[in-house]
């Protein structure tokens, strides 16, 4: 099978596409891939490192208010559609899958117009503008939440879950501990603000570094985000040595291994993160980003909260102290932790990637 993947901007769109590629490769080692993204997106860095051929088109998002910039965006979209058609004709894919982000628009739209079987994957409860637009043209729509089924055409929409859930099931707990240098008797708390980091979470963590250093039998893995790492490292260096029970990293490329060893996650409520932790049953303290479309991260997080799988701390109430209180309570109450683990596992869809690949195979057969 020849597959074009597209999705970009943030890790939440890129990693699901890569998870699908890996699952296809596991089932069909001879499969061929092309990833079409944007040079300005994170995909331009991540995808080539995975050994997948990468090409780019340039596109930006529409403004939600009337703007002259939207005329420029429309022109860029039409140009990107034309360029996408050229790439697709050269590669001759059997199927095209888009996992979100502006770049999916022209690529998936071009594929649909060329009669190539297409699928979009919506990771969040509330769909983004690009997927709303594409839903009318694509062959199949895959969603991660039951609440999303009603927001797309019923005849072509299926509940699959997020393929990152399958990806983390291949993680190795011992490899994660070895990578971090953490002994078996220590509980690991992973603080992760997403692929680009989160300023508010970083500020809260910096205000309680000393207290985190005093937590008993606990190792803190603090992932700052690459754009924040230098600044935070300089702040910590001025204050004195980093606590011995803390590892500070800009990014984690072997996240499945690290998550397999994680006792509690503190982080944003992006769809990929939630898919990963529910597949593994990792209790979480979720701090949804308020800077996303339709406040979809809080809606994602509240679903886990209702299921007893997470505690939600909205950013306007986030301080170092409020975070420390929740974290300490969860570390000290084994019964609550076990109940959250059970609630998390009940939400997990560890076979999501397999379901998506099955749907892709089906729409190719039906062509």
Foldseek 3Di string as FASTA:
>chain_A
DEEEEEFWAFPLFVVLSVLLVVVVCVVPVPYAYEYEYACPTPCVVPVVVVVHHYDYADADDDDPDDDPVNVVRVVSLVVLLVVLLVVCVVRVGQEYEGEYDPSCQSNQQSCLVVVHAYEYEALFLDRDPSCLVCLVRHQAYEYADPSNCVVGPVVRYDYQHGSLLQVLVPAAQVVQCVVVVHDPQAAEEEEAAGQAADPLSLQQCVVCQVVVLPDPSYAYEYAGAQVCQVVSVVVCVVVPDRRPRYHYHPDDPRVSHNLLRHQEYEYEQRSSVLQNCLSNLHAYEHAHDCPDPPSRRVVSVVVLVVLLQYHYDYSVRDHNVVVVVVVVVCVVDVVSSVSNSVSSPVSHNNCSSVVVVVVSVVSSVVD
